Amino acid sequence: MSVSMAMASRSSNSDRSVRAGEAAMAGRGTGGFEVQRFNGDLRHHVLIIEAPYYDDVAEALAEGAIAELEAFGATYDRVVVPGALEIPQALSAASEAGLVPMSAESGRYSGVIVLGCVIRGETSHYDIVCGSANHWLMETATRHAIPVGNAILTVDTHDQAMVRASGGRAGKGGDAARACLQLAELASKFASQAER
């Protein structure tokens, strides 16, 4: 079965600099990283991999992530896959193609944001999807040093998903964008230290 992947590019004309930890994230430290434009050039270009299995949840997650990226002046491309299990496969394909991490010879993206939702059903399928998607996502991200912000929601009900996805920049999509940008900035700092 072939999977078609839709891509869209978007950029922001925002010219402001924002502290990466300004928006409240319960249970998380800010890390004190600053994500900003340098000399008028956009600092970060991010890949968003989204699985819109639940359209309304996916839309709310994407709105939050995109709002956060635009607030930081970052640009992005979007790739759509059928479900949560396909997200790590798309990340692996981007890595294999040399698009991520940015340190790759043909690196195009500073980091990756993943958006999806898995809602518990009556069988063990939920546990398999959640465990496999998150395991292989993190395995690929850590093996290839790819900054990843993870907003694959794992919930019991659709209502729980909407509560977590909603809220714009304060929702889980915004959280994932902040995490991605902070990790991308950290990777950049480490790379510049290694060059000295």
N, C-alpha and C. Protein backbone atom coordinates (compact mmCIF):
# COMPACT_ATOMS: atom_id res chain seq x y z
N MET A 1 0.84 -1.17 0.00
CA MET A 1 0.00 0.00 0.00
C MET A 1 0.89 1.24 0.00
N SER A 2 0.64 2.15 -0.90
CA SER A 2 1.45 3.36 -0.93
C SER A 2 0.81 4.44 -0.08
N VAL A 3 1.66 5.25 0.49
CA VAL A 3 1.20 6.33 1.35
C VAL A 3 1.60 7.63 0.70
N SER A 4 0.63 8.48 0.44
CA SER A 4 1.00 9.78 -0.11
C SER A 4 1.24 10.74 1.05
N MET A 5 2.24 11.55 0.91
CA MET A 5 2.59 12.48 1.98
C MET A 5 2.43 13.89 1.44
N ALA A 6 1.64 14.69 2.13
CA ALA A 6 1.40 16.07 1.72
C ALA A 6 2.39 16.97 2.43
N MET A 7 2.97 17.90 1.70
CA MET A 7 3.90 18.85 2.30
C MET A 7 3.45 20.26 2.02
N ALA A 8 3.65 21.11 3.00
CA ALA A 8 3.37 22.53 2.84
C ALA A 8 4.45 23.31 3.56
N SER A 9 4.85 24.42 3.00
CA SER A 9 5.84 25.27 3.65
C SER A 9 5.16 26.52 4.16
N ARG A 10 5.73 27.05 5.22
CA ARG A 10 5.19 28.26 5.81
C ARG A 10 6.33 29.01 6.47
N SER A 11 6.32 30.30 6.38
CA SER A 11 7.31 31.10 7.09
C SER A 11 6.62 32.24 7.79
N SER A 12 7.33 32.82 8.72
CA SER A 12 6.79 33.93 9.50
C SER A 12 7.66 35.15 9.29
N ASN A 13 7.03 36.31 9.28
CA ASN A 13 7.77 37.55 9.16
C ASN A 13 8.04 38.19 10.50
N SER A 14 7.75 37.46 11.55
CA SER A 14 7.96 37.99 12.89
C SER A 14 9.43 38.35 13.07
N ASP A 15 9.69 39.50 13.68
CA ASP A 15 11.07 39.95 13.83
C ASP A 15 11.45 40.06 15.30
N ARG A 16 10.72 39.38 16.17
CA ARG A 16 11.02 39.52 17.58
C ARG A 16 11.74 38.31 18.12
N SER A 17 12.41 38.51 19.23
CA SER A 17 13.12 37.44 19.92
C SER A 17 12.35 37.11 21.18
N VAL A 18 12.23 35.83 21.50
CA VAL A 18 11.46 35.41 22.66
C VAL A 18 12.27 34.42 23.47
N ARG A 19 12.16 34.49 24.78
CA ARG A 19 12.80 33.49 25.62
C ARG A 19 12.06 32.18 25.43
N ALA A 20 12.77 31.10 25.30
CA ALA A 20 12.16 29.81 25.01
C ALA A 20 11.30 29.30 26.15
N GLY A 21 11.43 29.81 27.34
CA GLY A 21 10.65 29.30 28.45
C GLY A 21 9.58 30.25 28.94
N GLU A 22 9.25 31.31 28.16
CA GLU A 22 8.30 32.30 28.65
C GLU A 22 6.92 31.71 28.93
N ALA A 23 6.40 30.90 28.05
CA ALA A 23 5.09 30.32 28.28
C ALA A 23 5.21 29.23 29.33
N ALA A 24 4.25 29.17 30.23
CA ALA A 24 4.31 28.22 31.34
C ALA A 24 4.17 26.79 30.83
N MET A 25 5.06 25.93 31.30
CA MET A 25 4.97 24.51 30.98
C MET A 25 5.03 23.76 32.31
N ALA A 26 3.91 23.23 32.73
CA ALA A 26 3.84 22.56 34.02
C ALA A 26 4.84 21.44 34.11
N GLY A 27 5.62 21.44 35.19
CA GLY A 27 6.55 20.35 35.43
C GLY A 27 7.82 20.41 34.62
N ARG A 28 8.06 21.50 33.90
CA ARG A 28 9.25 21.58 33.08
C ARG A 28 10.02 22.86 33.40
N GLY A 29 11.34 22.76 33.40
CA GLY A 29 12.17 23.94 33.57
C GLY A 29 12.35 24.63 32.23
N THR A 30 12.74 25.89 32.27
CA THR A 30 12.90 26.63 31.02
C THR A 30 14.25 26.41 30.38
N GLY A 31 15.24 26.06 31.14
CA GLY A 31 16.55 25.81 30.56
C GLY A 31 17.30 27.07 30.18
N GLY A 32 16.63 28.21 30.16
CA GLY A 32 17.27 29.48 29.87
C GLY A 32 17.80 29.61 28.46
N PHE A 33 17.29 28.86 27.50
CA PHE A 33 17.76 28.97 26.13
C PHE A 33 17.00 30.05 25.41
N GLU A 34 17.69 30.81 24.59
CA GLU A 34 17.05 31.85 23.82
C GLU A 34 17.04 31.44 22.36
N VAL A 35 15.87 31.48 21.77
CA VAL A 35 15.71 31.13 20.37
C VAL A 35 15.35 32.42 19.66
N GLN A 36 16.12 32.80 18.67
CA GLN A 36 15.89 34.10 18.06
C GLN A 36 16.39 34.14 16.63
N ARG A 37 16.12 35.26 15.97
CA ARG A 37 16.69 35.53 14.65
C ARG A 37 18.09 36.09 14.85
N PHE A 38 18.97 35.76 13.95
CA PHE A 38 20.32 36.31 13.99
C PHE A 38 20.55 37.09 12.71
N ASN A 39 20.92 38.35 12.82
CA ASN A 39 21.22 39.22 11.67
C ASN A 39 20.08 39.22 10.64
N GLY A 40 18.84 39.13 11.12
CA GLY A 40 17.69 39.19 10.21
C GLY A 40 17.38 37.88 9.51
N ASP A 41 18.22 36.87 9.66
CA ASP A 41 17.96 35.57 9.04
C ASP A 41 17.21 34.68 10.00
N LEU A 42 16.35 33.85 9.46
CA LEU A 42 15.64 32.90 10.32
C LEU A 42 16.62 31.89 10.87
N ARG A 43 16.52 31.64 12.14
CA ARG A 43 17.46 30.74 12.82
C ARG A 43 17.07 29.28 12.65
N HIS A 44 15.78 28.98 12.71
CA HIS A 44 15.36 27.57 12.71
C HIS A 44 14.33 27.28 11.62
N HIS A 45 14.54 26.16 10.95
CA HIS A 45 13.57 25.63 9.99
C HIS A 45 13.26 24.22 10.48
N VAL A 46 11.99 23.93 10.71
CA VAL A 46 11.57 22.72 11.42
C VAL A 46 10.67 21.86 10.54
N LEU A 47 10.78 20.56 10.68
CA LEU A 47 9.88 19.62 10.02
C LEU A 47 8.79 19.21 11.00
N ILE A 48 7.54 19.33 10.59
CA ILE A 48 6.41 18.86 11.40
C ILE A 48 5.89 17.58 10.75
N ILE A 49 5.90 16.49 11.51
CA ILE A 49 5.33 15.22 11.05
C ILE A 49 4.04 15.02 11.82
N GLU A 50 2.93 14.95 11.10
CA GLU A 50 1.65 14.84 11.79
C GLU A 50 0.82 13.66 11.28
N ALA A 51 0.15 13.02 12.24
CA ALA A 51 -0.74 11.91 11.94
C ALA A 51 -2.16 12.34 12.32
N PRO A 52 -2.93 12.81 11.36
CA PRO A 52 -4.26 13.36 11.67
C PRO A 52 -5.37 12.30 11.76
N TYR A 53 -5.11 11.24 12.51
CA TYR A 53 -6.09 10.17 12.64
C TYR A 53 -7.41 10.70 13.23
N TYR A 54 -7.30 11.61 14.19
CA TYR A 54 -8.45 12.31 14.76
C TYR A 54 -8.33 13.76 14.30
N ASP A 55 -9.10 14.14 13.30
CA ASP A 55 -8.94 15.44 12.64
C ASP A 55 -8.96 16.63 13.59
N ASP A 56 -9.93 16.66 14.51
CA ASP A 56 -10.05 17.83 15.40
C ASP A 56 -8.88 17.92 16.37
N VAL A 57 -8.41 16.80 16.85
CA VAL A 57 -7.25 16.78 17.75
C VAL A 57 -6.01 17.22 16.98
N ALA A 58 -5.83 16.68 15.78
CA ALA A 58 -4.68 17.02 14.95
C ALA A 58 -4.66 18.50 14.62
N GLU A 59 -5.81 19.04 14.29
CA GLU A 59 -5.90 20.47 13.96
C GLU A 59 -5.50 21.34 15.16
N ALA A 60 -5.98 20.99 16.35
CA ALA A 60 -5.64 21.76 17.55
C ALA A 60 -4.14 21.65 17.87
N LEU A 61 -3.58 20.47 17.74
CA LEU A 61 -2.14 20.30 17.98
C LEU A 61 -1.32 21.13 16.98
N ALA A 62 -1.70 21.07 15.71
CA ALA A 62 -0.97 21.81 14.68
C ALA A 62 -1.09 23.31 14.91
N GLU A 63 -2.26 23.79 15.27
CA GLU A 63 -2.44 25.23 15.52
C GLU A 63 -1.50 25.70 16.63
N GLY A 64 -1.40 24.93 17.70
CA GLY A 64 -0.52 25.30 18.80
C GLY A 64 0.94 25.29 18.40
N ALA A 65 1.36 24.24 17.69
CA ALA A 65 2.76 24.13 17.27
C ALA A 65 3.13 25.26 16.31
N ILE A 66 2.27 25.51 15.35
CA ILE A 66 2.54 26.55 14.35
C ILE A 66 2.56 27.93 14.99
N ALA A 67 1.63 28.19 15.89
CA ALA A 67 1.61 29.49 16.58
C ALA A 67 2.91 29.70 17.35
N GLU A 68 3.40 28.65 17.99
CA GLU A 68 4.65 28.76 18.76
C GLU A 68 5.84 28.99 17.82
N LEU A 69 5.90 28.25 16.72
CA LEU A 69 6.98 28.44 15.76
C LEU A 69 6.97 29.87 15.20
N GLU A 70 5.79 30.35 14.85
CA GLU A 70 5.69 31.70 14.31
C GLU A 70 6.09 32.75 15.35
N ALA A 71 5.76 32.51 16.60
CA ALA A 71 6.16 33.44 17.67
C ALA A 71 7.68 33.53 17.78
N PHE A 72 8.37 32.45 17.45
CA PHE A 72 9.83 32.44 17.49
C PHE A 72 10.45 32.85 16.16
N GLY A 73 9.62 33.09 15.15
CA GLY A 73 10.16 33.46 13.85
C GLY A 73 10.72 32.29 13.08
N ALA A 74 10.32 31.08 13.43
CA ALA A 74 10.82 29.88 12.75
C ALA A 74 9.95 29.56 11.53
N THR A 75 10.53 28.87 10.57
CA THR A 75 9.78 28.38 9.41
C THR A 75 9.60 26.88 9.56
N TYR A 76 8.74 26.32 8.73
CA TYR A 76 8.47 24.88 8.87
C TYR A 76 7.93 24.30 7.58
N ASP A 77 8.07 22.99 7.46
CA ASP A 77 7.43 22.18 6.43
C ASP A 77 6.58 21.16 7.17
N ARG A 78 5.47 20.77 6.56
CA ARG A 78 4.57 19.78 7.17
C ARG A 78 4.49 18.53 6.30
N VAL A 79 4.56 17.37 6.95
CA VAL A 79 4.40 16.08 6.29
C VAL A 79 3.30 15.34 7.03
N VAL A 80 2.37 14.76 6.28
CA VAL A 80 1.25 14.04 6.87
C VAL A 80 1.43 12.54 6.64
N VAL A 81 1.27 11.76 7.72
CA VAL A 81 1.32 10.30 7.64
C VAL A 81 0.01 9.74 8.20
N PRO A 82 -0.32 8.49 7.89
CA PRO A 82 -1.62 7.95 8.27
C PRO A 82 -1.88 7.85 9.78
N GLY A 83 -0.88 7.45 10.55
CA GLY A 83 -1.12 7.23 11.98
C GLY A 83 0.16 7.33 12.78
N ALA A 84 0.03 7.14 14.09
CA ALA A 84 1.16 7.30 15.01
C ALA A 84 2.30 6.33 14.71
N LEU A 85 1.99 5.12 14.27
CA LEU A 85 3.05 4.16 13.98
C LEU A 85 3.92 4.59 12.80
N GLU A 86 3.37 5.41 11.92
CA GLU A 86 4.14 5.85 10.76
C GLU A 86 5.03 7.05 11.06
N ILE A 87 4.82 7.72 12.19
CA ILE A 87 5.63 8.90 12.53
C ILE A 87 7.11 8.54 12.64
N PRO A 88 7.50 7.51 13.42
CA PRO A 88 8.93 7.19 13.48
C PRO A 88 9.51 6.78 12.13
N GLN A 89 8.70 6.15 11.29
CA GLN A 89 9.17 5.76 9.97
C GLN A 89 9.45 6.99 9.10
N ALA A 90 8.60 8.01 9.22
CA ALA A 90 8.84 9.25 8.48
C ALA A 90 10.09 9.95 9.00
N LEU A 91 10.28 9.96 10.32
CA LEU A 91 11.49 10.56 10.90
C LEU A 91 12.73 9.82 10.40
N SER A 92 12.67 8.51 10.40
CA SER A 92 13.79 7.71 9.92
C SER A 92 14.08 7.98 8.44
N ALA A 93 13.03 8.13 7.63
CA ALA A 93 13.21 8.42 6.20
C ALA A 93 13.86 9.79 6.01
N ALA A 94 13.44 10.78 6.81
CA ALA A 94 14.04 12.12 6.72
C ALA A 94 15.52 12.06 7.11
N SER A 95 15.82 11.27 8.13
CA SER A 95 17.21 11.12 8.56
C SER A 95 18.03 10.40 7.50
N GLU A 96 17.49 9.33 6.96
CA GLU A 96 18.19 8.55 5.93
C GLU A 96 18.45 9.40 4.69
N ALA A 97 17.53 10.33 4.38
CA ALA A 97 17.70 11.22 3.23
C ALA A 97 18.69 12.35 3.53
N GLY A 98 19.13 12.45 4.79
CA GLY A 98 20.09 13.48 5.16
C GLY A 98 19.47 14.84 5.43
N LEU A 99 18.16 14.89 5.60
CA LEU A 99 17.48 16.17 5.84
C LEU A 99 17.59 16.61 7.30
N VAL A 100 17.74 15.65 8.19
CA VAL A 100 17.96 15.91 9.61
C VAL A 100 19.02 14.92 10.09
N PRO A 101 19.81 15.28 11.07
CA PRO A 101 19.85 16.57 11.75
C PRO A 101 20.51 17.64 10.88
N MET A 102 20.48 18.87 11.37
CA MET A 102 21.04 20.00 10.63
C MET A 102 22.53 19.78 10.36
N SER A 103 23.20 19.03 11.22
CA SER A 103 24.65 18.79 11.05
C SER A 103 24.95 17.83 9.90
N ALA A 104 23.91 17.16 9.37
CA ALA A 104 24.13 16.27 8.21
C ALA A 104 24.58 17.12 7.02
N GLU A 105 25.29 16.50 6.09
CA GLU A 105 25.84 17.23 4.95
C GLU A 105 24.76 18.01 4.19
N SER A 106 23.59 17.40 4.02
CA SER A 106 22.49 18.07 3.32
C SER A 106 21.38 18.45 4.29
N GLY A 107 21.70 18.62 5.57
CA GLY A 107 20.71 18.92 6.60
C GLY A 107 19.89 20.15 6.28
N ARG A 108 18.60 20.01 6.38
CA ARG A 108 17.68 21.11 6.05
C ARG A 108 16.91 21.59 7.26
N TYR A 109 16.70 20.70 8.25
CA TYR A 109 15.84 21.03 9.39
C TYR A 109 16.63 21.08 10.69
N SER A 110 16.34 22.10 11.48
CA SER A 110 16.95 22.24 12.81
C SER A 110 16.42 21.18 13.76
N GLY A 111 15.19 20.77 13.55
CA GLY A 111 14.56 19.78 14.42
C GLY A 111 13.24 19.32 13.84
N VAL A 112 12.57 18.47 14.59
CA VAL A 112 11.32 17.87 14.14
C VAL A 112 10.29 17.94 15.26
N ILE A 113 9.06 18.26 14.89
CA ILE A 113 7.92 18.23 15.82
C ILE A 113 7.01 17.12 15.34
N VAL A 114 6.60 16.23 16.25
CA VAL A 114 5.68 15.16 15.87
C VAL A 114 4.36 15.36 16.59
N LEU A 115 3.27 15.22 15.82
CA LEU A 115 1.93 15.46 16.33
C LEU A 115 1.04 14.27 16.01
N GLY A 116 0.36 13.75 17.00
CA GLY A 116 -0.55 12.63 16.78
C GLY A 116 -1.33 12.34 18.04
N CYS A 117 -2.20 11.35 17.95
CA CYS A 117 -3.02 10.99 19.11
C CYS A 117 -3.41 9.52 19.02
N VAL A 118 -3.27 8.84 20.16
CA VAL A 118 -3.70 7.45 20.28
C VAL A 118 -4.67 7.40 21.45
N ILE A 119 -5.90 6.95 21.19
CA ILE A 119 -6.94 6.86 22.22
C ILE A 119 -7.16 5.39 22.56
N ARG A 120 -7.16 5.10 23.86
CA ARG A 120 -7.33 3.72 24.32
C ARG A 120 -8.64 3.12 23.82
N GLY A 121 -8.56 1.89 23.35
CA GLY A 121 -9.75 1.17 22.91
C GLY A 121 -9.97 -0.04 23.81
N GLU A 122 -10.63 -1.05 23.29
CA GLU A 122 -10.98 -2.22 24.10
C GLU A 122 -9.93 -3.32 24.02
N THR A 123 -8.93 -3.16 23.17
CA THR A 123 -7.93 -4.21 23.00
C THR A 123 -6.54 -3.70 23.37
N SER A 124 -5.57 -4.57 23.27
CA SER A 124 -4.19 -4.20 23.59
C SER A 124 -3.52 -3.41 22.48
N HIS A 125 -4.21 -3.17 21.39
CA HIS A 125 -3.65 -2.41 20.27
C HIS A 125 -3.11 -1.05 20.73
N TYR A 126 -3.82 -0.39 21.63
CA TYR A 126 -3.40 0.91 22.18
C TYR A 126 -1.99 0.83 22.75
N ASP A 127 -1.75 -0.19 23.60
CA ASP A 127 -0.44 -0.34 24.23
C ASP A 127 0.66 -0.58 23.21
N ILE A 128 0.36 -1.36 22.20
CA ILE A 128 1.34 -1.66 21.16
C ILE A 128 1.68 -0.41 20.37
N VAL A 129 0.65 0.35 19.96
CA VAL A 129 0.88 1.56 19.18
C VAL A 129 1.65 2.60 20.00
N CYS A 130 1.21 2.84 21.23
CA CYS A 130 1.88 3.84 22.08
C CYS A 130 3.34 3.46 22.32
N GLY A 131 3.55 2.23 22.73
CA GLY A 131 4.91 1.79 23.05
C GLY A 131 5.81 1.80 21.83
N SER A 132 5.33 1.26 20.72
CA SER A 132 6.16 1.17 19.52
C SER A 132 6.45 2.55 18.94
N ALA A 133 5.43 3.38 18.82
CA ALA A 133 5.63 4.72 18.23
C ALA A 133 6.63 5.52 19.05
N ASN A 134 6.46 5.55 20.35
CA ASN A 134 7.36 6.35 21.18
C ASN A 134 8.75 5.74 21.30
N HIS A 135 8.84 4.40 21.37
CA HIS A 135 10.15 3.77 21.43
C HIS A 135 10.97 4.09 20.18
N TRP A 136 10.39 3.84 18.99
CA TRP A 136 11.15 4.02 17.76
C TRP A 136 11.38 5.48 17.45
N LEU A 137 10.48 6.34 17.87
CA LEU A 137 10.69 7.78 17.72
C LEU A 137 11.93 8.21 18.50
N MET A 138 11.99 7.84 19.77
CA MET A 138 13.12 8.24 20.61
C MET A 138 14.40 7.51 20.22
N GLU A 139 14.29 6.27 19.78
CA GLU A 139 15.48 5.54 19.35
C GLU A 139 16.10 6.24 18.14
N THR A 140 15.28 6.61 17.18
CA THR A 140 15.78 7.29 15.99
C THR A 140 16.33 8.67 16.34
N ALA A 141 15.61 9.41 17.18
CA ALA A 141 16.05 10.75 17.57
C ALA A 141 17.39 10.71 18.30
N THR A 142 17.54 9.79 19.25
CA THR A 142 18.78 9.74 20.00
C THR A 142 19.94 9.15 19.18
N ARG A 143 19.65 8.16 18.36
CA ARG A 143 20.71 7.56 17.54
C ARG A 143 21.31 8.57 16.57
N HIS A 144 20.47 9.47 16.04
CA HIS A 144 20.93 10.42 15.03
C HIS A 144 21.02 11.86 15.55
N ALA A 145 20.87 12.03 16.86
CA ALA A 145 20.95 13.36 17.49
C ALA A 145 20.01 14.36 16.83
N ILE A 146 18.75 13.97 16.67
CA ILE A 146 17.74 14.82 16.06
C ILE A 146 16.91 15.48 17.16
N PRO A 147 16.88 16.81 17.23
CA PRO A 147 16.01 17.48 18.20
C PRO A 147 14.54 17.22 17.86
N VAL A 148 13.82 16.54 18.75
CA VAL A 148 12.42 16.19 18.51
C VAL A 148 11.55 16.70 19.64
N GLY A 149 10.49 17.41 19.28
CA GLY A 149 9.44 17.78 20.23
C GLY A 149 8.28 16.83 20.00
N ASN A 150 7.91 16.08 21.03
CA ASN A 150 6.93 15.00 20.90
C ASN A 150 5.57 15.40 21.44
N ALA A 151 4.57 15.47 20.56
CA ALA A 151 3.19 15.68 20.97
C ALA A 151 2.32 14.56 20.40
N ILE A 152 2.77 13.32 20.62
CA ILE A 152 1.89 12.18 20.33
C ILE A 152 1.13 11.95 21.63
N LEU A 153 -0.13 12.36 21.64
CA LEU A 153 -0.94 12.22 22.84
C LEU A 153 -1.34 10.76 23.03
N THR A 154 -1.28 10.28 24.26
CA THR A 154 -1.73 8.93 24.61
C THR A 154 -2.74 9.09 25.73
N VAL A 155 -4.01 8.89 25.39
CA VAL A 155 -5.10 9.22 26.30
C VAL A 155 -6.15 8.11 26.33
N ASP A 156 -7.04 8.23 27.32
CA ASP A 156 -8.13 7.25 27.44
C ASP A 156 -9.37 7.65 26.65
N THR A 157 -9.59 8.97 26.48
CA THR A 157 -10.82 9.43 25.82
C THR A 157 -10.53 10.57 24.86
N HIS A 158 -11.46 10.79 23.94
CA HIS A 158 -11.35 11.90 23.00
C HIS A 158 -11.39 13.23 23.76
N ASP A 159 -12.20 13.33 24.79
CA ASP A 159 -12.26 14.56 25.59
C ASP A 159 -10.90 14.89 26.21
N GLN A 160 -10.21 13.88 26.74
CA GLN A 160 -8.87 14.10 27.30
C GLN A 160 -7.92 14.62 26.22
N ALA A 161 -8.04 14.07 25.03
CA ALA A 161 -7.18 14.50 23.92
C ALA A 161 -7.41 15.97 23.59
N MET A 162 -8.68 16.38 23.52
CA MET A 162 -9.00 17.76 23.17
C MET A 162 -8.53 18.73 24.25
N VAL A 163 -8.63 18.34 25.51
CA VAL A 163 -8.15 19.21 26.59
C VAL A 163 -6.65 19.44 26.43
N ARG A 164 -5.90 18.40 26.11
CA ARG A 164 -4.45 18.52 25.98
C ARG A 164 -4.03 19.21 24.68
N ALA A 165 -4.77 18.99 23.62
CA ALA A 165 -4.42 19.57 22.32
C ALA A 165 -4.81 21.04 22.22
N SER A 166 -5.89 21.43 22.87
CA SER A 166 -6.40 22.79 22.77
C SER A 166 -5.55 23.77 23.55
N GLY A 167 -5.77 25.04 23.30
CA GLY A 167 -5.08 26.07 24.06
C GLY A 167 -4.02 26.80 23.28
N GLY A 168 -3.94 26.55 21.98
CA GLY A 168 -2.95 27.25 21.16
C GLY A 168 -1.54 26.98 21.63
N ARG A 169 -0.78 28.04 21.86
CA ARG A 169 0.62 27.91 22.27
C ARG A 169 0.76 27.23 23.63
N ALA A 170 -0.30 27.29 24.47
CA ALA A 170 -0.25 26.67 25.80
C ALA A 170 -0.62 25.19 25.76
N GLY A 171 -1.09 24.69 24.62
CA GLY A 171 -1.44 23.28 24.49
C GLY A 171 -0.21 22.43 24.19
N LYS A 172 -0.43 21.14 24.04
CA LYS A 172 0.68 20.20 23.83
C LYS A 172 1.42 20.42 22.50
N GLY A 173 0.73 20.93 21.49
CA GLY A 173 1.43 21.27 20.25
C GLY A 173 2.45 22.37 20.47
N GLY A 174 2.06 23.39 21.23
CA GLY A 174 2.99 24.46 21.58
C GLY A 174 4.14 23.96 22.43
N ASP A 175 3.83 23.07 23.38
CA ASP A 175 4.88 22.47 24.22
C ASP A 175 5.91 21.74 23.35
N ALA A 176 5.42 20.98 22.38
CA ALA A 176 6.33 20.21 21.51
C ALA A 176 7.20 21.15 20.68
N ALA A 177 6.62 22.25 20.20
CA ALA A 177 7.40 23.21 19.42
C ALA A 177 8.50 23.83 20.28
N ARG A 178 8.15 24.22 21.51
CA ARG A 178 9.16 24.79 22.42
C ARG A 178 10.27 23.79 22.70
N ALA A 179 9.89 22.55 22.96
CA ALA A 179 10.90 21.51 23.24
C ALA A 179 11.83 21.34 22.04
N CYS A 180 11.26 21.27 20.85
CA CYS A 180 12.06 21.11 19.64
C CYS A 180 13.03 22.27 19.48
N LEU A 181 12.54 23.49 19.62
CA LEU A 181 13.40 24.66 19.44
C LEU A 181 14.48 24.74 20.51
N GLN A 182 14.14 24.38 21.74
CA GLN A 182 15.15 24.39 22.81
C GLN A 182 16.23 23.34 22.54
N LEU A 183 15.83 22.16 22.10
CA LEU A 183 16.81 21.12 21.79
C LEU A 183 17.65 21.50 20.57
N ALA A 184 17.04 22.14 19.59
CA ALA A 184 17.80 22.59 18.41
C ALA A 184 18.82 23.65 18.81
N GLU A 185 18.42 24.55 19.70
CA GLU A 185 19.34 25.57 20.17
C GLU A 185 20.48 24.93 20.96
N LEU A 186 20.16 23.95 21.79
CA LEU A 186 21.18 23.24 22.56
C LEU A 186 22.16 22.53 21.63
N ALA A 187 21.65 21.87 20.60
CA ALA A 187 22.51 21.18 19.63
C ALA A 187 23.44 22.19 18.94
N SER A 188 22.90 23.35 18.62
CA SER A 188 23.69 24.40 17.99
C SER A 188 24.80 24.89 18.92
N LYS A 189 24.46 25.06 20.19
CA LYS A 189 25.46 25.49 21.17
C LYS A 189 26.56 24.45 21.34
N PHE A 190 26.17 23.18 21.43
CA PHE A 190 27.17 22.12 21.56
C PHE A 190 28.08 22.09 20.32
N ALA A 191 27.49 22.24 19.13
CA ALA A 191 28.28 22.22 17.89
C ALA A 191 29.28 23.37 17.86
N SER A 192 28.85 24.54 18.30
CA SER A 192 29.76 25.69 18.29
C SER A 192 30.88 25.52 19.33
N GLN A 193 30.58 24.85 20.44
CA GLN A 193 31.62 24.59 21.43
C GLN A 193 32.64 23.59 20.90
N ALA A 194 32.17 22.60 20.14
CA ALA A 194 33.05 21.58 19.58
C ALA A 194 33.98 22.16 18.52
N GLU A 195 33.55 23.25 17.86
CA GLU A 195 34.36 23.88 16.81
C GLU A 195 35.52 24.69 17.38
N ARG A 196 35.46 25.02 18.66
CA ARG A 196 36.50 25.86 19.26
C ARG A 196 37.76 25.09 19.48
